[in-house]
C-alpha atoms as a PDB file:
ATOM      1  CA  MET A   1      87.958  18.063 104.657  1.00  0.00           C
ATOM      2  CA  LYS A   2      88.095  18.527 108.401  1.00  0.00           C
ATOM      3  CA  LYS A   3      90.082  16.314 110.725  1.00  0.00           C
ATOM      4  CA  LEU A   4      88.632  13.154 112.154  1.00  0.00           C
ATOM      5  CA  ILE A   5      91.462  12.442 114.540  1.00  0.00           C
ATOM      6  CA  LEU A   6      94.603  14.019 115.891  1.00  0.00           C
ATOM      7  CA  ILE A   7      97.061  11.169 116.267  1.00  0.00           C
ATOM      8  CA  PRO A   8     100.488  12.253 114.840  1.00  0.00           C
ATOM      9  CA  VAL A   9     101.985  10.605 111.785  1.00  0.00           C
ATOM     10  CA  LEU A  10     104.638   8.168 113.023  1.00  0.00           C
ATOM     11  CA  LEU A  11     104.906   5.783 110.081  1.00  0.00           C
ATOM     12  CA  LEU A  12     106.187   6.409 106.588  1.00  0.00           C
ATOM     13  CA  PHE A  13     104.899   4.621 103.507  1.00  0.00           C
ATOM     14  CA  ILE A  14     107.482   3.060 101.199  1.00  0.00           C
ATOM     15  CA  PHE A  15     106.459   3.056  97.528  1.00  0.00           C
ATOM     16  CA  CYS A  16     107.717   0.780  94.814  1.00  0.00           C
ATOM     17  CA  GLU A  17     108.844   2.640  91.706  1.00  0.00           C
ATOM     18  CA  LYS A  18     107.995   0.034  89.088  1.00  0.00           C
ATOM     19  CA  LYS A  19     104.403  -0.683  88.109  1.00  0.00           C
ATOM     20  CA  ASP A  20     102.489  -2.610  85.488  1.00  0.00           C
ATOM     21  CA  SER A  21      98.897  -2.922  84.291  1.00  0.00           C
ATOM     22  CA  ALA A  22      97.883  -4.895  87.370  1.00  0.00           C
ATOM     23  CA  HIS A  23      99.639  -2.629  89.863  1.00  0.00           C
ATOM     24  CA  HIS A  24      97.477   0.331  90.888  1.00  0.00           C
ATOM     25  CA  PHE A  25      98.432   3.411  92.906  1.00  0.00           C
ATOM     26  CA  ILE A  26      95.653   5.505  94.426  1.00  0.00           C
ATOM     27  CA  GLN A  27      96.019   8.725  96.403  1.00  0.00           C
ATOM     28  CA  GLY A  28      93.507  10.992  98.093  1.00  0.00           C
ATOM     29  CA  GLU A  29      92.454  12.851 101.221  1.00  0.00           C
ATOM     30  CA  ALA A  30      90.575  11.510 104.219  1.00  0.00           C
ATOM     31  CA  PHE A  31      90.088  12.273 107.899  1.00  0.00           C
ATOM     32  CA  GLY A  32      92.134  15.480 107.760  1.00  0.00           C
ATOM     33  CA  THR A  33      95.158  13.790 106.187  1.00  0.00           C
ATOM     34  CA  THR A  34      96.111  11.888 103.030  1.00  0.00           C
ATOM     35  CA  TYR A  35      96.082   8.265 101.946  1.00  0.00           C
ATOM     36  CA  ASN A  36      98.232   6.211  99.589  1.00  0.00           C
ATOM     37  CA  ILE A  37      97.168   2.797  98.385  1.00  0.00           C
ATOM     38  CA  GLN A  38      98.975   0.131  96.398  1.00  0.00           C
ATOM     39  CA  LEU A  39      96.930  -2.772  95.099  1.00  0.00           C
ATOM     40  CA  TYR A  40      97.001  -5.473  92.473  1.00  0.00           C
ATOM     41  CA  SER A  41      93.934  -6.015  90.321  1.00  0.00           C
ATOM     42  CA  GLU A  42      93.272  -6.937  86.688  1.00  0.00           C
ATOM     43  CA  ARG A  43      89.705  -5.661  86.958  1.00  0.00           C
ATOM     44  CA  ASP A  44      88.775  -2.235  85.618  1.00  0.00           C
ATOM     45  CA  VAL A  45      87.191  -0.771  88.742  1.00  0.00           C
ATOM     46  CA  ASP A  46      86.768   2.883  89.753  1.00  0.00           C
ATOM     47  CA  PHE A  47      88.351   2.245  93.144  1.00  0.00           C
ATOM     48  CA  LYS A  48      88.665   5.951  93.990  1.00  0.00           C
ATOM     49  CA  LYS A  49      84.934   6.561  93.842  1.00  0.00           C
ATOM     50  CA  GLY A  50      84.176   3.583  96.044  1.00  0.00           C
ATOM     51  CA  LEU A  51      86.892   4.460  98.549  1.00  0.00           C
ATOM     52  CA  ASP A  52      85.591   8.009  98.859  1.00  0.00           C
ATOM     53  CA  SER A  53      82.087   6.723  99.565  1.00  0.00           C
ATOM     54  CA  VAL A  54      83.463   4.585 102.405  1.00  0.00           C
ATOM     55  CA  ILE A  55      85.302   7.587 103.846  1.00  0.00           C
ATOM     56  CA  ASP A  56      82.094   9.640 103.739  1.00  0.00           C
ATOM     57  CA  ALA A  57      80.199   6.898 105.558  1.00  0.00           C
ATOM     58  CA  VAL A  58      82.796   6.721 108.341  1.00  0.00           C
ATOM     59  CA  ASN A  59      82.771  10.497 108.741  1.00  0.00           C
ATOM     60  CA  LEU A  60      78.988  10.670 108.930  1.00  0.00           C
ATOM     61  CA  SER A  61      79.005   8.031 111.638  1.00  0.00           C
ATOM     62  CA  VAL A  62      81.901   8.828 114.006  1.00  0.00           C
ATOM     63  CA  SER A  63      83.512  12.181 113.143  1.00  0.00           C
ATOM     64  CA  THR A  64      83.132  14.754 115.926  1.00  0.00           C
ATOM     65  CA  TYR A  65      84.199  17.429 113.423  1.00  0.00           C
ATOM     66  CA  ILE A  66      81.044  17.037 111.337  1.00  0.00           C
ATOM     67  CA  PRO A  67      77.957  18.572 113.039  1.00  0.00           C
ATOM     68  CA  GLN A  68      75.586  16.286 111.113  1.00  0.00           C
ATOM     69  CA  SER A  69      77.362  13.055 112.083  1.00  0.00           C
ATOM     70  CA  ASP A  70      75.682  10.532 114.357  1.00  0.00           C
ATOM     71  CA  ILE A  71      78.327  10.959 117.049  1.00  0.00           C
ATOM     72  CA  SER A  72      77.947  14.749 117.032  1.00  0.00           C
ATOM     73  CA  LYS A  73      74.179  14.468 117.392  1.00  0.00           C
ATOM     74  CA  ILE A  74      74.572  11.999 120.264  1.00  0.00           C
ATOM     75  CA  ASN A  75      77.131  14.235 121.960  1.00  0.00           C
ATOM     76  CA  ASN A  76      74.679  17.122 121.665  1.00  0.00           C
ATOM     77  CA  GLY A  77      71.987  15.164 123.471  1.00  0.00           C
ATOM     78  CA  ASP A  78      69.951  13.573 120.680  1.00  0.00           C
ATOM     79  CA  SER A  79      68.855  10.245 122.174  1.00  0.00           C
ATOM     80  CA  THR A  80      66.784   9.260 119.120  1.00  0.00           C
ATOM     81  CA  VAL A  81      69.744   8.561 116.818  1.00  0.00           C
ATOM     82  CA  VAL A  82      69.862   4.944 115.651  1.00  0.00           C
ATOM     83  CA  VAL A  83      73.513   4.204 115.069  1.00  0.00           C
ATOM     84  CA  ASP A  84      74.842   2.284 112.078  1.00  0.00           C
ATOM     85  CA  SER A  85      77.186  -0.715 111.852  1.00  0.00           C
ATOM     86  CA  ILE A  86      80.255   1.541 111.772  1.00  0.00           C
ATOM     87  CA  PHE A  87      79.381   3.137 115.112  1.00  0.00           C
ATOM     88  CA  LYS A  88      78.550  -0.256 116.597  1.00  0.00           C
ATOM     89  CA  GLU A  89      81.854  -1.819 115.536  1.00  0.00           C
ATOM     90  CA  VAL A  90      83.903   1.140 116.772  1.00  0.00           C
ATOM     91  CA  PHE A  91      81.976   0.950 120.055  1.00  0.00           C
ATOM     92  CA  LYS A  92      82.668  -2.800 120.298  1.00  0.00           C
ATOM     93  CA  ILE A  93      86.421  -2.415 119.716  1.00  0.00           C
ATOM     94  CA  SER A  94      86.480   0.374 122.294  1.00  0.00           C
ATOM     95  CA  GLU A  95      84.595  -1.734 124.821  1.00  0.00           C
ATOM     96  CA  GLU A  96      86.976  -4.677 124.396  1.00  0.00           C
ATOM     97  CA  VAL A  97      90.135  -2.582 124.721  1.00  0.00           C
ATOM     98  CA  ASN A  98      88.630  -0.650 127.632  1.00  0.00           C
ATOM     99  CA  LYS A  99      88.146  -3.923 129.532  1.00  0.00           C
ATOM    100  CA  THR A 100      91.534  -5.360 128.572  1.00  0.00           C
ATOM    101  CA  THR A 101      93.383  -2.211 129.686  1.00  0.00           C
ATOM    102  CA  ASN A 102      91.335  -1.844 132.890  1.00  0.00           C
ATOM    103  CA  GLY A 103      89.983   1.499 131.771  1.00  0.00           C
ATOM    104  CA  TYR A 104      93.160   3.094 130.402  1.00  0.00           C
ATOM    105  CA  PHE A 105      91.485   3.229 126.991  1.00  0.00           C
ATOM    106  CA  ASP A 106      88.214   5.142 127.204  1.00  0.00           C
ATOM    107  CA  PRO A 107      86.400   7.005 124.395  1.00  0.00           C
ATOM    108  CA  THR A 108      84.225   8.857 126.931  1.00  0.00           C
ATOM    109  CA  ILE A 109      87.303  10.953 127.636  1.00  0.00           C
ATOM    110  CA  GLY A 110      85.916  13.577 125.264  1.00  0.00           C
ATOM    111  CA  VAL A 111      85.079  16.112 127.982  1.00  0.00           C
ATOM    112  CA  LEU A 112      88.711  15.988 129.127  1.00  0.00           C
ATOM    113  CA  ARG A 113      90.125  16.302 125.605  1.00  0.00           C
ATOM    114  CA  ASN A 114      87.954  19.334 125.041  1.00  0.00           C
ATOM    115  CA  ALA A 115      88.933  20.846 128.395  1.00  0.00           C
ATOM    116  CA  TYR A 116      92.651  20.462 127.662  1.00  0.00           C
ATOM    117  CA  GLY A 117      92.330  21.883 124.154  1.00  0.00           C
ATOM    118  CA  PHE A 118      92.698  18.711 122.093  1.00  0.00           C
ATOM    119  CA  GLY A 119      89.074  18.510 120.951  1.00  0.00           C
ATOM    120  CA  ASP A 120      86.833  20.612 118.753  1.00  0.00           C
ATOM    121  CA  VAL A 121      85.976  23.357 121.287  1.00  0.00           C
ATOM    122  CA  LYS A 122      87.961  26.015 123.129  1.00  0.00           C
ATOM    123  CA  PRO A 123      89.951  24.730 126.142  1.00  0.00           C
ATOM    124  CA  LEU A 124      89.137  25.723 129.700  1.00  0.00           C
ATOM    125  CA  LYS A 125      91.239  28.602 131.005  1.00  0.00           C
ATOM    126  CA  ASN A 126      91.970  26.871 134.296  1.00  0.00           C
ATOM    127  CA  ILE A 127      91.908  23.174 135.209  1.00  0.00           C
ATOM    128  CA  ASP A 128      92.308  22.813 138.961  1.00  0.00           C
ATOM    129  CA  SER A 129      91.530  19.765 141.100  1.00  0.00           C
ATOM    130  CA  THR A 130      87.926  20.851 141.660  1.00  0.00           C
ATOM    131  CA  THR A 131      87.320  21.306 137.937  1.00  0.00           C
ATOM    132  CA  LEU A 132      88.970  17.974 137.190  1.00  0.00           C
ATOM    133  CA  ASP A 133      86.805  16.171 139.752  1.00  0.00           C
ATOM    134  CA  SER A 134      83.650  17.589 138.178  1.00  0.00           C
ATOM    135  CA  LEU A 135      84.786  16.566 134.687  1.00  0.00           C
ATOM    136  CA  MET A 136      85.638  13.023 135.764  1.00  0.00           C
ATOM    137  CA  LYS A 137      81.976  12.499 136.617  1.00  0.00           C
ATOM    138  CA  TYR A 138      81.373  12.346 132.858  1.00  0.00           C
ATOM    139  CA  VAL A 139      84.150   9.845 132.098  1.00  0.00           C
ATOM    140  CA  GLY A 140      83.721   6.084 132.177  1.00  0.00           C
ATOM    141  CA  PHE A 141      82.799   3.614 129.443  1.00  0.00           C
ATOM    142  CA  HIS A 142      80.598   1.720 131.883  1.00  0.00           C
ATOM    143  CA  LYS A 143      78.331   4.775 131.870  1.00  0.00           C
ATOM    144  CA  VAL A 144      77.260   4.318 128.224  1.00  0.00           C
ATOM    145  CA  ARG A 145      75.621   1.569 126.188  1.00  0.00           C
ATOM    146  CA  ILE A 146      74.012   0.778 122.855  1.00  0.00           C
ATOM    147  CA  ASN A 147      70.391  -0.267 123.330  1.00  0.00           C
ATOM    148  CA  PRO A 148      68.730  -3.168 121.468  1.00  0.00           C
ATOM    149  CA  ASP A 149      66.939  -0.653 119.210  1.00  0.00           C
ATOM    150  CA  GLY A 150      70.261   0.914 118.151  1.00  0.00           C
ATOM    151  CA  THR A 151      69.957   4.103 120.183  1.00  0.00           C
ATOM    152  CA  VAL A 152      72.645   5.125 122.662  1.00  0.00           C
ATOM    153  CA  SER A 153      72.120   5.723 126.369  1.00  0.00           C
ATOM    154  CA  LYS A 154      74.418   7.889 128.509  1.00  0.00           C
ATOM    155  CA  GLU A 155      74.299   8.012 132.290  1.00  0.00           C
ATOM    156  CA  TYR A 156      74.861  11.777 132.060  1.00  0.00           C
ATOM    157  CA  PRO A 157      73.897  13.983 129.092  1.00  0.00           C
ATOM    158  CA  GLN A 158      77.299  15.701 129.330  1.00  0.00           C
ATOM    159  CA  ILE A 159      79.199  12.518 128.431  1.00  0.00           C
ATOM    160  CA  TYR A 160      81.073  13.202 125.212  1.00  0.00           C
ATOM    161  CA  PHE A 161      82.129  10.380 122.891  1.00  0.00           C
ATOM    162  CA  ASP A 162      85.506  10.774 121.227  1.00  0.00           C
ATOM    163  CA  PHE A 163      86.500   7.781 119.084  1.00  0.00           C
ATOM    164  CA  ASN A 164      89.531   9.609 117.691  1.00  0.00           C
ATOM    165  CA  ALA A 165      91.917   6.958 119.013  1.00  0.00           C
ATOM    166  CA  VAL A 166      90.234   4.145 117.092  1.00  0.00           C
ATOM    167  CA  ALA A 167      88.093   5.651 114.310  1.00  0.00           C
ATOM    168  CA  LYS A 168      90.859   6.342 111.809  1.00  0.00           C
ATOM    169  CA  GLY A 169      92.235   2.831 112.176  1.00  0.00           C
ATOM    170  CA  PHE A 170      88.775   1.342 111.808  1.00  0.00           C
ATOM    171  CA  GLY A 171      88.157   3.581 108.802  1.00  0.00           C
ATOM    172  CA  ILE A 172      91.226   2.043 107.181  1.00  0.00           C
ATOM    173  CA  ASP A 173      89.821  -1.412 107.928  1.00  0.00           C
ATOM    174  CA  CYS A 174      86.641  -0.349 106.131  1.00  0.00           C
ATOM    175  CA  LEU A 175      88.681   0.713 103.092  1.00  0.00           C
ATOM    176  CA  GLY A 176      90.316  -2.708 103.115  1.00  0.00           C
ATOM    177  CA  ARG A 177      86.932  -4.423 103.243  1.00  0.00           C
ATOM    178  CA  TYR A 178      85.805  -2.414 100.241  1.00  0.00           C
ATOM    179  CA  LEU A 179      88.861  -3.462  98.212  1.00  0.00           C
ATOM    180  CA  GLU A 180      88.333  -7.100  99.163  1.00  0.00           C
ATOM    181  CA  SER A 181      84.688  -6.848  98.075  1.00  0.00           C
ATOM    182  CA  LYS A 182      86.049  -5.949  94.644  1.00  0.00           C
ATOM    183  CA  GLY A 183      88.227  -9.036  94.547  1.00  0.00           C
ATOM    184  CA  VAL A 184      91.485  -7.414  95.625  1.00  0.00           C
ATOM    185  CA  THR A 185      93.632  -9.870  97.599  1.00  0.00           C
ATOM    186  CA  ASP A 186      96.942  -7.988  97.723  1.00  0.00           C
ATOM    187  CA  TYR A 187      97.094  -4.383  98.908  1.00  0.00           C
ATOM    188  CA  LEU A 188      98.716  -1.890 101.234  1.00  0.00           C
ATOM    189  CA  ILE A 189      96.784   1.086 102.593  1.00  0.00           C
ATOM    190  CA  GLU A 190      98.600   3.966 104.297  1.00  0.00           C
ATOM    191  CA  LEU A 191      96.457   6.722 105.761  1.00  0.00           C
ATOM    192  CA  GLY A 192      97.907   9.390 108.014  1.00  0.00           C
ATOM    193  CA  GLY A 193     100.801   7.094 108.881  1.00  0.00           C
ATOM    194  CA  GLU A 194      98.650   4.106 109.774  1.00  0.00           C
ATOM    195  CA  ILE A 195      98.888   0.903 107.766  1.00  0.00           C
ATOM    196  CA  LEU A 196      96.745  -2.034 106.680  1.00  0.00           C
ATOM    197  CA  THR A 197      98.159  -4.862 104.591  1.00  0.00           C
ATOM    198  CA  LYS A 198      96.679  -7.828 102.786  1.00  0.00           C
ATOM    199  CA  GLY A 199      98.561 -10.507 100.909  1.00  0.00           C
ATOM    200  CA  ASN A 200     101.955  -9.645  99.418  1.00  0.00           C
ATOM    201  CA  ASN A 201     103.795  -7.083  97.362  1.00  0.00           C
ATOM    202  CA  LEU A 202     103.478  -9.210  94.219  1.00  0.00           C
ATOM    203  CA  GLU A 203     105.981  -7.178  92.261  1.00  0.00           C
ATOM    204  CA  LYS A 204     108.732  -7.985  94.753  1.00  0.00           C
ATOM    205  CA  ASN A 205     107.286 -11.364  95.722  1.00  0.00           C
ATOM    206  CA  GLN A 206     107.535 -10.547  99.422  1.00  0.00           C
ATOM    207  CA  LYS A 207     105.593  -9.157 102.326  1.00  0.00           C
ATOM    208  CA  TRP A 208     104.846  -5.439 102.408  1.00  0.00           C
ATOM    209  CA  VAL A 209     107.604  -3.302 103.936  1.00  0.00           C
ATOM    210  CA  VAL A 210     106.902  -0.135 105.932  1.00  0.00           C
ATOM    211  CA  GLY A 211     109.060   2.173 108.024  1.00  0.00           C
ATOM    212  CA  ILE A 212     108.834   3.297 111.643  1.00  0.00           C
ATOM    213  CA  GLU A 213     109.690   6.965 111.929  1.00  0.00           C
ATOM    214  CA  ALA A 214     112.404   7.952 114.399  1.00  0.00           C
ATOM    215  CA  VAL A 215     111.287   9.900 117.464  1.00  0.00           C
ATOM    216  CA  ASP A 216     113.682  12.759 116.634  1.00  0.00           C
ATOM    217  CA  SER A 217     112.718  12.774 112.954  1.00  0.00           C
ATOM    218  CA  GLU A 218     112.038  16.218 111.497  1.00  0.00           C
ATOM    219  CA  LEU A 219     108.818  16.802 109.563  1.00  0.00           C
ATOM    220  CA  GLU A 220     110.819  18.199 106.632  1.00  0.00           C
ATOM    221  CA  ASP A 221     113.508  15.493 106.784  1.00  0.00           C
ATOM    222  CA  ARG A 222     112.065  12.247 108.083  1.00  0.00           C
ATOM    223  CA  SER A 223     114.245   9.337 109.157  1.00  0.00           C
ATOM    224  CA  TYR A 224     113.558   5.714 110.078  1.00  0.00           C
ATOM    225  CA  ASP A 225     114.228   3.782 113.252  1.00  0.00           C
ATOM    226  CA  ALA A 226     113.425   0.476 111.547  1.00  0.00           C
ATOM    227  CA  THR A 227     111.508  -1.233 108.761  1.00  0.00           C
ATOM    228  CA  VAL A 228     108.883  -3.909 109.313  1.00  0.00           C
ATOM    229  CA  LYS A 229     107.493  -6.669 107.099  1.00  0.00           C
ATOM    230  CA  LEU A 230     103.716  -7.086 107.275  1.00  0.00           C
ATOM    231  CA  LYS A 231     101.125  -9.434 105.801  1.00  0.00           C
ATOM    232  CA  ASN A 232      97.402  -9.480 106.652  1.00  0.00           C
ATOM    233  CA  GLU A 233      98.008  -7.059 109.542  1.00  0.00           C
ATOM    234  CA  GLY A 234      97.436  -3.485 110.596  1.00  0.00           C
ATOM    235  CA  MET A 235      99.966  -1.150 112.185  1.00  0.00           C
ATOM    236  CA  ALA A 236      99.349   2.148 113.971  1.00  0.00           C
ATOM    237  CA  SER A 237     101.309   4.553 116.144  1.00  0.00           C
ATOM    238  CA  SER A 238     100.767   7.194 118.778  1.00  0.00           C
ATOM    239  CA  GLY A 239     103.229   9.613 120.338  1.00  0.00           C
ATOM    240  CA  ASN A 240     103.607  12.809 122.322  1.00  0.00           C
ATOM    241  CA  TYR A 241     106.802  14.236 120.900  1.00  0.00           C
ATOM    242  CA  ARG A 242     104.971  16.397 118.348  1.00  0.00           C
ATOM    243  CA  LYS A 243     101.440  16.602 119.722  1.00  0.00           C
ATOM    244  CA  PHE A 244     101.130  18.835 122.755  1.00  0.00           C
ATOM    245  CA  ARG A 245      99.722  22.193 123.792  1.00  0.00           C
ATOM    246  CA  ILE A 246     101.415  24.907 125.863  1.00  0.00           C
ATOM    247  CA  ASP A 247      99.082  26.966 128.064  1.00  0.00           C
ATOM    248  CA  SER A 248      99.667  30.595 127.112  1.00  0.00           C
ATOM    249  CA  LEU A 249      99.161  31.825 130.686  1.00  0.00           C
ATOM    250  CA  THR A 250     100.903  29.220 132.821  1.00  0.00           C
ATOM    251  CA  GLY A 251     103.384  27.802 130.335  1.00  0.00           C
ATOM    252  CA  LYS A 252     102.313  24.298 131.380  1.00  0.00           C
ATOM    253  CA  LYS A 253     102.745  21.562 128.760  1.00  0.00           C
ATOM    254  CA  TYR A 254      99.730  19.327 128.109  1.00  0.00           C
ATOM    255  CA  VAL A 255     100.265  16.176 126.054  1.00  0.00           C
ATOM    256  CA  HIS A 256      97.510  14.703 123.916  1.00  0.00           C
ATOM    257  CA  THR A 257      97.424  11.299 125.637  1.00  0.00           C
ATOM    258  CA  LEU A 258      95.204  11.560 128.695  1.00  0.00           C
ATOM    259  CA  ASN A 259      94.833   9.187 131.628  1.00  0.00           C
ATOM    260  CA  PRO A 260      91.115   8.289 131.796  1.00  0.00           C
ATOM    261  CA  LEU A 261      91.444   7.101 135.405  1.00  0.00           C
ATOM    262  CA  THR A 262      92.916  10.315 136.801  1.00  0.00           C
ATOM    263  CA  GLY A 263      92.078  12.860 134.130  1.00  0.00           C
ATOM    264  CA  SER A 264      95.706  14.003 133.995  1.00  0.00           C
ATOM    265  CA  ALA A 265      97.477  15.136 130.836  1.00  0.00           C
ATOM    266  CA  GLU A 266     101.005  14.484 131.989  1.00  0.00           C
ATOM    267  CA  MET A 267     103.574  12.716 129.847  1.00  0.00           C
ATOM    268  CA  SER A 268     104.286   9.074 130.694  1.00  0.00           C
ATOM    269  CA  ASP A 269     107.695   7.473 130.225  1.00  0.00           C
ATOM    270  CA  VAL A 270     106.536   6.000 126.886  1.00  0.00           C
ATOM    271  CA  THR A 271     107.260   8.568 124.179  1.00  0.00           C
ATOM    272  CA  SER A 272     105.785   6.614 121.272  1.00  0.00           C
ATOM    273  CA  ALA A 273     103.999   3.338 120.671  1.00  0.00           C
ATOM    274  CA  THR A 274     103.832   1.428 117.396  1.00  0.00           C
ATOM    275  CA  VAL A 275     101.483  -1.545 117.421  1.00  0.00           C
ATOM    276  CA  ILE A 276     100.852  -4.443 115.035  1.00  0.00           C
ATOM    277  CA  ALA A 277      97.486  -6.207 115.313  1.00  0.00           C
ATOM    278  CA  PRO A 278      95.082  -8.226 113.142  1.00  0.00           C
ATOM    279  CA  SER A 279      93.185  -5.024 112.317  1.00  0.00           C
ATOM    280  CA  CYS A 280      94.206  -1.389 112.089  1.00  0.00           C
ATOM    281  CA  GLY A 281      91.396  -0.320 114.432  1.00  0.00           C
ATOM    282  CA  THR A 282      92.698  -2.598 117.171  1.00  0.00           C
ATOM    283  CA  ALA A 283      96.298  -1.461 116.574  1.00  0.00           C
ATOM    284  CA  ASP A 284      95.136   2.161 116.769  1.00  0.00           C
ATOM    285  CA  ALA A 285      93.378   1.647 120.103  1.00  0.00           C
ATOM    286  CA  TYR A 286      96.273  -0.174 121.754  1.00  0.00           C
ATOM    287  CA  ALA A 287      98.847   2.357 120.532  1.00  0.00           C
ATOM    288  CA  THR A 288      96.968   5.048 122.443  1.00  0.00           C
ATOM    289  CA  SER A 289      96.500   2.739 125.442  1.00  0.00           C
ATOM    290  CA  PHE A 290     100.227   2.064 125.825  1.00  0.00           C
ATOM    291  CA  MET A 291     100.921   5.799 125.868  1.00  0.00           C
ATOM    292  CA  ALA A 292      98.632   6.169 128.885  1.00  0.00           C
ATOM    293  CA  LEU A 293      99.698   2.921 130.588  1.00  0.00           C
ATOM    294  CA  GLY A 294     103.406   3.656 130.628  1.00  0.00           C
ATOM    295  CA  LEU A 295     106.196   1.149 130.031  1.00  0.00           C
ATOM    296  CA  GLU A 296     105.846  -1.356 132.864  1.00  0.00           C
ATOM    297  CA  LYS A 297     102.047  -1.679 132.702  1.00  0.00           C
ATOM    298  CA  SER A 298     102.277  -1.979 128.906  1.00  0.00           C
ATOM    299  CA  LYS A 299     104.830  -4.780 129.144  1.00  0.00           C
ATOM    300  CA  GLU A 300     102.616  -6.689 131.571  1.00  0.00           C
ATOM    301  CA  LEU A 301      99.552  -6.253 129.369  1.00  0.00           C
ATOM    302  CA  LEU A 302     101.413  -7.378 126.249  1.00  0.00           C
ATOM    303  CA  LYS A 303     102.178 -10.725 127.901  1.00  0.00           C
ATOM    304  CA  ASN A 304      98.445 -11.471 127.697  1.00  0.00           C
ATOM    305  CA  LEU A 305      97.830 -10.131 124.179  1.00  0.00           C
ATOM    306  CA  PRO A 306      99.034 -12.918 121.858  1.00  0.00           C
ATOM    307  CA  ASN A 307      97.891 -11.187 118.657  1.00  0.00           C
ATOM    308  CA  VAL A 308      99.263  -7.745 119.518  1.00  0.00           C
ATOM    309  CA  GLU A 309     102.926  -6.790 119.045  1.00  0.00           C
ATOM    310  CA  ALA A 310     104.490  -3.503 120.093  1.00  0.00           C
ATOM    311  CA  TYR A 311     107.517  -1.270 119.575  1.00  0.00           C
ATOM    312  CA  LEU A 312     107.694   1.233 122.440  1.00  0.00           C
ATOM    313  CA  THR A 313     110.149   4.103 122.778  1.00  0.00           C
ATOM    314  CA  PHE A 314     110.770   5.529 126.236  1.00  0.00           C
ATOM    315  CA  ASN A 315     113.171   7.616 128.273  1.00  0.00           C
ATOM    316  CA  ASP A 316     115.120   5.870 131.019  1.00  0.00           C
ATOM    317  CA  SER A 317     116.057   7.325 134.428  1.00  0.00           C
ATOM    318  CA  LEU A 318     118.894   9.288 132.797  1.00  0.00           C
ATOM    319  CA  ASP A 319     116.508  10.604 130.136  1.00  0.00           C
ATOM    320  CA  ASN A 320     118.178   8.508 127.441  1.00  0.00           C
ATOM    321  CA  HIS A 321     116.129   7.281 124.487  1.00  0.00           C
ATOM    322  CA  GLN A 322     115.432   3.524 124.704  1.00  0.00           C
ATOM    323  CA  VAL A 323     113.352   0.967 122.800  1.00  0.00           C
ATOM    324  CA  PHE A 324     111.322  -2.010 123.991  1.00  0.00           C
ATOM    325  CA  MET A 325     110.055  -4.569 121.475  1.00  0.00           C
ATOM    326  CA  THR A 326     107.980  -7.701 121.848  1.00  0.00           C
ATOM    327  CA  GLU A 327     109.490 -10.836 120.341  1.00  0.00           C
ATOM    328  CA  GLY A 328     106.761 -10.889 117.707  1.00  0.00           C
ATOM    329  CA  PHE A 329     107.661  -7.381 116.624  1.00  0.00           C
ATOM    330  CA  LYS A 330     111.361  -8.281 116.434  1.00  0.00           C
ATOM    331  CA  SER A 331     110.510 -11.198 114.130  1.00  0.00           C
ATOM    332  CA  ARG A 332     108.914  -8.777 111.660  1.00  0.00           C
ATOM    333  CA  LEU A 333     111.849  -6.385 111.444  1.00  0.00           C
ATOM    334  CA  GLY A 334     113.340  -5.932 107.994  1.00  0.00           C
ATOM    335  CA  ASN A 335     116.968  -6.504 107.154  1.00  0.00           C
END
């Protein structure tokens, strides 16, 4: 299955070894990565089949890697597409975070992602100031809307939606909704390093425990910076330490977090952002936002986000690795 989004895996899922008849483990593939689910249920339900149907629905709505998806058709200029509830909810989350961050989160950044080589088309060979100015004409969430009849209007046909920074998280929320519709009240979903929890780990009679991967962790030998206890929350991360592209001609390094206000692909002082929020979609969106905002702007924003907690890694003036945590995040740290 092709990728839905490109955010790097920054979280590691911690399994329990013991299981009983009510403790289910489910694994599979989704959105270009894998998922692992723990849940408690006495009911004999084919969860895997239902979960896969949810994944297919999300892909057909908001995956830019599927030509037949609604978002791909809209990006290609089809103004007759009537979007579904998945598209509408992803759009709504994006709109809210766009306003809260004063434009630092913007899913119309697709033309820039494609130009820099982080999308689904070949990158531009040269991105000078003139090229960047012309591309920025097609960036801005205020330039798009969902009409009352469910169709989507774009101020310019070239505007390219890219919900990659929220769609995977929202997809996980959809998986959680499916489990809850089947009566499941205690579960942990890990998909591509992003987490959604409900209830408790009944076997251990405690909240779910997950790990935050260290910035210098190797793919073949992962290590933790910390563990976090979660209940009825989502957690997502974004970072630049593994996801970047080197231009073969100029040698210039382009990071995958772009600034929607300037169009630049330069690295900010925040090297990774791990966010806890009421939903995984919201956590996903803010994790990307903090990467673009940088440390000081992120700290100011977090003062006004009572339901959002963050763990930010950054490099100080001497290029030393440092960590900033909100008080709410500190309170969730494991022993």
